[in-house]
PDB file of N, CA and C in Angstrom:
ATOM      1  N   MET A   1      83.805 105.604  99.154  1.00  0.00           N
ATOM      2  CA  MET A   1      83.495 106.869  99.776  1.00  0.00           C
ATOM      3  C   MET A   1      83.980 107.988  98.857  1.00  0.00           C
ATOM      4  N   ASP A   2      83.101 108.904  98.558  1.00  0.00           N
ATOM      5  CA  ASP A   2      83.451 110.028  97.699  1.00  0.00           C
ATOM      6  C   ASP A   2      84.087 111.155  98.507  1.00  0.00           C
ATOM      7  N   ALA A   3      84.981 111.884  97.870  1.00  0.00           N
ATOM      8  CA  ALA A   3      85.584 113.063  98.505  1.00  0.00           C
ATOM      9  C   ALA A   3      84.522 114.148  98.630  1.00  0.00           C
ATOM     10  N   LYS A   4      84.628 114.955  99.679  1.00  0.00           N
ATOM     11  CA  LYS A   4      83.672 116.032  99.909  1.00  0.00           C
ATOM     12  C   LYS A   4      84.188 117.387  99.432  1.00  0.00           C
ATOM     13  N   SER A   5      85.465 117.448  99.035  1.00  0.00           N
ATOM     14  CA  SER A   5      86.039 118.695  98.542  1.00  0.00           C
ATOM     15  C   SER A   5      87.209 118.377  97.613  1.00  0.00           C
ATOM     16  N   LYS A   6      87.615 119.383  96.849  1.00  0.00           N
ATOM     17  CA  LYS A   6      88.760 119.217  95.957  1.00  0.00           C
ATOM     18  C   LYS A   6      90.031 118.957  96.761  1.00  0.00           C
ATOM     19  N   ALA A   7      90.156 119.621  97.896  1.00  0.00           N
ATOM     20  CA  ALA A   7      91.337 119.433  98.739  1.00  0.00           C
ATOM     21  C   ALA A   7      91.406 117.995  99.251  1.00  0.00           C
ATOM     22  N   GLN A   8      90.265 117.434  99.646  1.00  0.00           N
ATOM     23  CA  GLN A   8      90.226 116.063 100.143  1.00  0.00           C
ATOM     24  C   GLN A   8      90.546 115.075  99.009  1.00  0.00           C
ATOM     25  N   GLN A   9      90.043 115.344  97.811  1.00  0.00           N
ATOM     26  CA  GLN A   9      90.312 114.479  96.671  1.00  0.00           C
ATOM     27  C   GLN A   9      91.798 114.503  96.327  1.00  0.00           C
ATOM     28  N   GLN A  10      92.398 115.670  96.397  1.00  0.00           N
ATOM     29  CA  GLN A  10      93.817 115.806  96.094  1.00  0.00           C
ATOM     30  C   GLN A  10      94.674 115.101  97.156  1.00  0.00           C
ATOM     31  N   ALA A  11      94.299 115.227  98.421  1.00  0.00           N
ATOM     32  CA  ALA A  11      95.030 114.562  99.495  1.00  0.00           C
ATOM     33  C   ALA A  11      94.952 113.044  99.336  1.00  0.00           C
ATOM     34  N   ALA A  12      93.780 112.552  98.938  1.00  0.00           N
ATOM     35  CA  ALA A  12      93.623 111.116  98.715  1.00  0.00           C
ATOM     36  C   ALA A  12      94.515 110.647  97.570  1.00  0.00           C
ATOM     37  N   GLY A  13      94.627 111.456  96.538  1.00  0.00           N
ATOM     38  CA  GLY A  13      95.502 111.103  95.415  1.00  0.00           C
ATOM     39  C   GLY A  13      96.960 111.020  95.828  1.00  0.00           C
ATOM     40  N   ALA A  14      97.395 111.943  96.668  1.00  0.00           N
ATOM     41  CA  ALA A  14      98.778 111.924  97.152  1.00  0.00           C
ATOM     42  C   ALA A  14      99.021 110.699  98.034  1.00  0.00           C
ATOM     43  N   ALA A  15      98.067 110.389  98.903  1.00  0.00           N
ATOM     44  CA  ALA A  15      98.194 109.222  99.778  1.00  0.00           C
ATOM     45  C   ALA A  15      98.209 107.938  98.947  1.00  0.00           C
ATOM     46  N   LEU A  16      97.387 107.882  97.915  1.00  0.00           N
ATOM     47  CA  LEU A  16      97.344 106.715  97.045  1.00  0.00           C
ATOM     48  C   LEU A  16      98.670 106.524  96.322  1.00  0.00           C
ATOM     49  N   ALA A  17      99.251 107.598  95.836  1.00  0.00           N
ATOM     50  CA  ALA A  17     100.548 107.506  95.162  1.00  0.00           C
ATOM     51  C   ALA A  17     101.614 106.956  96.110  1.00  0.00           C
ATOM     52  N   ALA A  18     101.564 107.377  97.361  1.00  0.00           N
ATOM     53  CA  ALA A  18     102.528 106.877  98.342  1.00  0.00           C
ATOM     54  C   ALA A  18     102.274 105.399  98.650  1.00  0.00           C
ATOM     55  N   LYS A  19     101.002 105.008  98.760  1.00  0.00           N
ATOM     56  CA  LYS A  19     100.674 103.594  99.008  1.00  0.00           C
ATOM     57  C   LYS A  19     101.217 102.713  97.892  1.00  0.00           C
ATOM     58  N   ARG A  20     101.168 103.227  96.669  1.00  0.00           N
ATOM     59  CA  ARG A  20     101.624 102.451  95.516  1.00  0.00           C
ATOM     60  C   ARG A  20     103.129 102.530  95.313  1.00  0.00           C
ATOM     61  N   GLY A  21     103.812 103.325  96.131  1.00  0.00           N
ATOM     62  CA  GLY A  21     105.252 103.462  96.013  1.00  0.00           C
ATOM     63  C   GLY A  21     105.694 104.431  94.939  1.00  0.00           C
ATOM     64  N   GLU A  22     104.749 105.210  94.410  1.00  0.00           N
ATOM     65  CA  GLU A  22     105.056 106.183  93.362  1.00  0.00           C
ATOM     66  C   GLU A  22     105.567 107.500  93.940  1.00  0.00           C
ATOM     67  N   GLN A  23     105.394 107.683  95.237  1.00  0.00           N
ATOM     68  CA  GLN A  23     105.815 108.896  95.935  1.00  0.00           C
ATOM     69  C   GLN A  23     106.340 108.463  97.294  1.00  0.00           C
ATOM     70  N   ASP A  24     107.294 109.177  97.813  1.00  0.00           N
ATOM     71  CA  ASP A  24     107.862 108.865  99.117  1.00  0.00           C
ATOM     72  C   ASP A  24     106.874 109.252 100.214  1.00  0.00           C
ATOM     73  N   LYS A  25     106.576 108.326 101.125  1.00  0.00           N
ATOM     74  CA  LYS A  25     105.586 108.638 102.158  1.00  0.00           C
ATOM     75  C   LYS A  25     106.075 109.739 103.099  1.00  0.00           C
ATOM     76  N   SER A  26     107.361 109.972 103.164  1.00  0.00           N
ATOM     77  CA  SER A  26     107.871 111.055 104.007  1.00  0.00           C
ATOM     78  C   SER A  26     107.524 112.433 103.444  1.00  0.00           C
ATOM     79  N   ASP A  27     107.087 112.487 102.175  1.00  0.00           N
ATOM     80  CA  ASP A  27     106.664 113.749 101.562  1.00  0.00           C
ATOM     81  C   ASP A  27     105.248 114.142 101.970  1.00  0.00           C
ATOM     82  N   LEU A  28     104.488 113.209 102.538  1.00  0.00           N
ATOM     83  CA  LEU A  28     103.094 113.471 102.897  1.00  0.00           C
ATOM     84  C   LEU A  28     103.002 114.308 104.166  1.00  0.00           C
ATOM     85  N   GLN A  29     102.002 115.187 104.188  1.00  0.00           N
ATOM     86  CA  GLN A  29     101.757 116.033 105.357  1.00  0.00           C
ATOM     87  C   GLN A  29     100.268 116.119 105.607  1.00  0.00           C
ATOM     88  N   GLY A  30      99.882 116.413 106.820  1.00  0.00           N
ATOM     89  CA  GLY A  30      98.491 116.696 107.154  1.00  0.00           C
ATOM     90  C   GLY A  30      97.529 115.592 106.772  1.00  0.00           C
ATOM     91  N   ALA A  31      96.475 115.973 106.055  1.00  0.00           N
ATOM     92  CA  ALA A  31      95.399 115.042 105.718  1.00  0.00           C
ATOM     93  C   ALA A  31      95.890 113.863 104.886  1.00  0.00           C
ATOM     94  N   SER A  32      96.793 114.110 103.953  1.00  0.00           N
ATOM     95  CA  SER A  32      97.273 113.010 103.113  1.00  0.00           C
ATOM     96  C   SER A  32      98.028 111.979 103.950  1.00  0.00           C
ATOM     97  N   ARG A  33      98.772 112.425 104.951  1.00  0.00           N
ATOM     98  CA  ARG A  33      99.492 111.496 105.833  1.00  0.00           C
ATOM     99  C   ARG A  33      98.510 110.688 106.676  1.00  0.00           C
ATOM    100  N   GLN A  34      97.468 111.353 107.183  1.00  0.00           N
ATOM    101  CA  GLN A  34      96.452 110.653 107.973  1.00  0.00           C
ATOM    102  C   GLN A  34      95.721 109.622 107.115  1.00  0.00           C
ATOM    103  N   MET A  35      95.413 109.998 105.877  1.00  0.00           N
ATOM    104  CA  MET A  35      94.744 109.063 104.974  1.00  0.00           C
ATOM    105  C   MET A  35      95.640 107.872 104.669  1.00  0.00           C
ATOM    106  N   PHE A  36      96.918 108.122 104.445  1.00  0.00           N
ATOM    107  CA  PHE A  36      97.873 107.049 104.169  1.00  0.00           C
ATOM    108  C   PHE A  36      97.874 106.041 105.313  1.00  0.00           C
ATOM    109  N   ASP A  37      97.866 106.544 106.544  1.00  0.00           N
ATOM    110  CA  ASP A  37      97.933 105.684 107.721  1.00  0.00           C
ATOM    111  C   ASP A  37      96.627 104.953 108.018  1.00  0.00           C
ATOM    112  N   SER A  38      95.488 105.552 107.670  1.00  0.00           N
ATOM    113  CA  SER A  38      94.206 104.999 108.132  1.00  0.00           C
ATOM    114  C   SER A  38      93.356 104.336 107.049  1.00  0.00           C
ATOM    115  N   MET A  39      93.708 104.486 105.787  1.00  0.00           N
ATOM    116  CA  MET A  39      92.867 103.961 104.710  1.00  0.00           C
ATOM    117  C   MET A  39      93.630 102.943 103.873  1.00  0.00           C
ATOM    118  N   ASN A  40      92.897 101.981 103.307  1.00  0.00           N
ATOM    119  CA  ASN A  40      93.562 101.025 102.424  1.00  0.00           C
ATOM    120  C   ASN A  40      93.541 101.556 100.986  1.00  0.00           C
ATOM    121  N   GLU A  41      94.212 100.853 100.099  1.00  0.00           N
ATOM    122  CA  GLU A  41      94.365 101.336  98.722  1.00  0.00           C
ATOM    123  C   GLU A  41      93.020 101.471  98.006  1.00  0.00           C
ATOM    124  N   THR A  42      92.110 100.553  98.239  1.00  0.00           N
ATOM    125  CA  THR A  42      90.795 100.607  97.591  1.00  0.00           C
ATOM    126  C   THR A  42      90.015 101.835  98.036  1.00  0.00           C
ATOM    127  N   GLU A  43      90.032 102.134  99.323  1.00  0.00           N
ATOM    128  CA  GLU A  43      89.344 103.319  99.833  1.00  0.00           C
ATOM    129  C   GLU A  43      89.943 104.591  99.238  1.00  0.00           C
ATOM    130  N   LEU A  44      91.262 104.631  99.156  1.00  0.00           N
ATOM    131  CA  LEU A  44      91.925 105.799  98.579  1.00  0.00           C
ATOM    132  C   LEU A  44      91.600 105.948  97.094  1.00  0.00           C
ATOM    133  N   GLU A  45      91.543 104.831  96.366  1.00  0.00           N
ATOM    134  CA  GLU A  45      91.179 104.878  94.948  1.00  0.00           C
ATOM    135  C   GLU A  45      89.786 105.474  94.769  1.00  0.00           C
ATOM    136  N   ASP A  46      88.845 105.038  95.604  1.00  0.00           N
ATOM    137  CA  ASP A  46      87.468 105.544  95.513  1.00  0.00           C
ATOM    138  C   ASP A  46      87.424 107.048  95.756  1.00  0.00           C
ATOM    139  N   MET A  47      88.126 107.501  96.780  1.00  0.00           N
ATOM    140  CA  MET A  47      88.099 108.922  97.113  1.00  0.00           C
ATOM    141  C   MET A  47      88.851 109.751  96.072  1.00  0.00           C
ATOM    142  N   ALA A  48      89.975 109.250  95.609  1.00  0.00           N
ATOM    143  CA  ALA A  48      90.785 109.994  94.640  1.00  0.00           C
ATOM    144  C   ALA A  48      90.117 110.068  93.268  1.00  0.00           C
ATOM    145  N   SER A  49      89.241 109.134  92.966  1.00  0.00           N
ATOM    146  CA  SER A  49      88.607 109.114  91.652  1.00  0.00           C
ATOM    147  C   SER A  49      87.308 109.917  91.604  1.00  0.00           C
ATOM    148  N   THR A  50      86.948 110.582  92.687  1.00  0.00           N
ATOM    149  CA  THR A  50      85.739 111.406  92.723  1.00  0.00           C
ATOM    150  C   THR A  50      85.827 112.521  91.679  1.00  0.00           C
ATOM    151  N   ASN A  51      84.754 112.726  90.936  1.00  0.00           N
ATOM    152  CA  ASN A  51      84.687 113.799  89.948  1.00  0.00           C
ATOM    153  C   ASN A  51      84.778 115.145  90.670  1.00  0.00           C
ATOM    154  N   ARG A  52      85.716 115.973  90.271  1.00  0.00           N
ATOM    155  CA  ARG A  52      85.975 117.237  90.969  1.00  0.00           C
ATOM    156  C   ARG A  52      85.092 118.392  90.504  1.00  0.00           C
ATOM    157  N   SER A  53      84.382 118.251  89.414  1.00  0.00           N
ATOM    158  CA  SER A  53      83.694 119.392  88.818  1.00  0.00           C
ATOM    159  C   SER A  53      82.671 120.048  89.740  1.00  0.00           C
ATOM    160  N   ASP A  54      81.986 119.294  90.569  1.00  0.00           N
ATOM    161  CA  ASP A  54      80.968 119.867  91.440  1.00  0.00           C
ATOM    162  C   ASP A  54      81.404 120.005  92.891  1.00  0.00           C
ATOM    163  N   LEU A  55      82.662 119.773  93.173  1.00  0.00           N
ATOM    164  CA  LEU A  55      83.142 119.838  94.554  1.00  0.00           C
ATOM    165  C   LEU A  55      83.587 121.251  94.928  1.00  0.00           C
ATOM    166  N   PRO A  56      83.351 121.649  96.189  1.00  0.00           N
ATOM    167  CA  PRO A  56      83.898 122.923  96.655  1.00  0.00           C
ATOM    168  C   PRO A  56      85.406 122.786  96.851  1.00  0.00           C
ATOM    169  N   GLU A  57      86.110 123.903  96.925  1.00  0.00           N
ATOM    170  CA  GLU A  57      87.564 123.861  97.136  1.00  0.00           C
ATOM    171  C   GLU A  57      87.889 123.173  98.462  1.00  0.00           C
ATOM    172  N   THR A  58      87.190 123.537  99.516  1.00  0.00           N
ATOM    173  CA  THR A  58      87.368 122.909 100.833  1.00  0.00           C
ATOM    174  C   THR A  58      86.002 122.563 101.379  1.00  0.00           C
ATOM    175  N   ALA A  59      85.957 121.581 102.272  1.00  0.00           N
ATOM    176  CA  ALA A  59      84.702 121.193 102.899  1.00  0.00           C
ATOM    177  C   ALA A  59      84.304 122.244 103.919  1.00  0.00           C
ATOM    178  N   GLU A  60      83.013 122.430 104.116  1.00  0.00           N
ATOM    179  CA  GLU A  60      82.548 123.403 105.103  1.00  0.00           C
ATOM    180  C   GLU A  60      83.069 123.042 106.473  1.00  0.00           C
ATOM    181  N   GLY A  61      83.481 124.050 107.207  1.00  0.00           N
ATOM    182  CA  GLY A  61      83.989 123.839 108.560  1.00  0.00           C
ATOM    183  C   GLY A  61      85.438 123.442 108.619  1.00  0.00           C
ATOM    184  N   SER A  62      86.107 123.311 107.482  1.00  0.00           N
ATOM    185  CA  SER A  62      87.518 122.908 107.494  1.00  0.00           C
ATOM    186  C   SER A  62      88.470 124.081 107.377  1.00  0.00           C
ATOM    187  N   ASP A  63      87.948 125.299 107.285  1.00  0.00           N
ATOM    188  CA  ASP A  63      88.806 126.484 107.142  1.00  0.00           C
ATOM    189  C   ASP A  63      89.410 126.890 108.443  1.00  0.00           C
TER     190      ASP A  63
END
């Protein structure tokens, strides 16, 4: 699954780092915490690896 915004891609990267033990999961907040709890490492890798060049800063309706 590809990220729909730069913010979503960044949150997935933070959640992935926590899944891998590279970051403390207690540091996660909001979307990254929800992603950590609900997605597996493969799903997070797919979302975090989305090319950011054509993504909006935030997804429509998320403001």
